Amino acid sequence: MSRRDYAQEFACLAKEVAGIGSDQAQRFEKALRERFSGETARIFPRPALTLERINAELRNRKPVAVIAAESGVSRATIYRYLKPKKSQSETP
């Protein structure tokens, strides 16, 4: 199994999305390789954040800070999920 070349992929993506030139893309790739040489890319999927999951965790007395850290979001995001939604008829 061959390893993916993320530095090259990121440089190509930057070239496509940001519209940078080939020379800038090569410099970007070189900078990535110098800065992150030898490090393994670790991308972990985050568990889906749902109101039901948050409520279940809170019923199990798990602190909001822990739920937020495990979900990869801030505490404010957890509180936003918990905030009751205003219905359309309530808005002026």
Protein backbone atom coordinates (compact mmCIF):
# COMPACT_ATOMS: atom_id res chain seq x y z
CA MET A 1 0.00 0.00 0.00
CA SER A 2 1.53 3.28 -1.05
CA ARG A 3 1.30 6.40 1.06
CA ARG A 4 -0.61 9.38 -0.28
CA ASP A 5 1.42 12.47 -1.04
CA TYR A 6 -0.59 15.05 0.88
CA ALA A 7 1.87 17.88 0.25
CA GLN A 8 1.38 17.49 -3.49
CA GLU A 9 -2.40 17.15 -3.10
CA PHE A 10 -2.62 20.31 -0.97
CA ALA A 11 -0.48 22.23 -3.46
CA CYS A 12 -2.73 21.13 -6.34
CA LEU A 13 -5.82 22.03 -4.34
CA ALA A 14 -4.39 25.47 -3.55
CA LYS A 15 -3.62 25.95 -7.22
CA GLU A 16 -7.19 25.05 -8.21
CA VAL A 17 -9.13 26.79 -5.45
CA ALA A 18 -7.01 29.85 -4.75
CA GLY A 19 -5.95 30.31 -8.34
CA ILE A 20 -2.24 30.51 -7.53
CA GLY A 21 0.35 29.97 -10.23
CA SER A 22 2.48 26.87 -10.74
CA ASP A 23 5.55 28.57 -9.26
CA GLN A 24 3.65 29.54 -6.10
CA ALA A 25 2.18 26.02 -5.85
CA GLN A 26 5.69 24.53 -6.00
CA ARG A 27 6.92 26.90 -3.28
CA PHE A 28 3.87 26.02 -1.16
CA GLU A 29 4.55 22.29 -1.59
CA LYS A 30 8.22 22.78 -0.67
CA ALA A 31 7.25 24.78 2.44
CA LEU A 32 4.81 22.03 3.48
CA ARG A 33 7.50 19.37 3.07
CA GLU A 34 10.05 21.38 5.07
CA ARG A 35 7.64 22.16 7.87
CA PHE A 36 5.92 18.78 8.20
CA SER A 37 8.55 16.35 6.92
CA GLY A 38 8.16 12.87 8.32
CA GLU A 39 4.93 13.59 10.17
CA THR A 40 2.00 11.30 9.59
CA ALA A 41 -1.27 12.88 8.58
CA ARG A 42 -4.02 11.87 10.98
CA ILE A 43 -7.53 12.68 10.02
CA PHE A 44 -10.15 11.19 12.28
CA PRO A 45 -13.85 11.23 11.52
CA ARG A 46 -15.86 13.15 14.08
CA PRO A 47 -18.93 11.51 15.56
CA ALA A 48 -22.13 13.13 14.38
CA LEU A 49 -23.28 15.86 16.74
CA THR A 50 -27.00 15.56 17.37
CA LEU A 51 -29.31 17.00 19.99
CA GLU A 52 -30.24 13.45 21.04
CA ARG A 53 -26.59 12.54 21.58
CA ILE A 54 -25.92 15.71 23.57
CA ASN A 55 -28.97 15.11 25.77
CA ALA A 56 -27.97 11.49 26.37
CA GLU A 57 -24.46 12.54 27.40
CA LEU A 58 -25.84 15.22 29.73
CA ARG A 59 -28.24 12.71 31.33
CA ASN A 60 -25.16 10.55 32.03
CA ARG A 61 -23.74 13.61 33.86
CA LYS A 62 -20.96 14.21 31.36
CA PRO A 63 -19.70 17.82 31.51
CA VAL A 64 -20.37 20.06 28.52
CA ALA A 65 -16.63 20.70 28.15
CA VAL A 66 -15.98 16.96 27.76
CA ILE A 67 -18.81 16.51 25.25
CA ALA A 68 -17.45 19.45 23.26
CA ALA A 69 -13.88 18.11 23.30
CA GLU A 70 -14.98 14.63 22.21
CA SER A 71 -17.09 16.12 19.42
CA GLY A 72 -14.38 18.51 18.23
CA VAL A 73 -16.51 21.62 18.76
CA SER A 74 -16.58 24.45 21.29
CA ARG A 75 -18.78 24.57 24.38
CA ALA A 76 -20.67 27.44 22.75
CA THR A 77 -21.67 25.12 19.91
CA ILE A 78 -23.08 22.61 22.40
CA TYR A 79 -25.10 25.37 24.07
CA ARG A 80 -26.35 26.54 20.63
CA TYR A 81 -27.67 23.04 20.00
CA LEU A 82 -29.43 23.10 23.38
CA LYS A 83 -30.97 26.55 22.87
CA PRO A 84 -34.67 26.28 22.00
CA LYS A 85 -35.41 27.22 18.41
CA LYS A 86 -37.82 30.09 17.78
CA SER A 87 -40.71 29.14 15.59
CA GLN A 88 -41.51 31.17 12.48
CA SER A 89 -44.71 32.52 14.06
CA GLU A 90 -42.83 34.01 17.03
CA THR A 91 -40.64 36.28 14.91
CA PRO A 92 -41.95 39.84 14.47
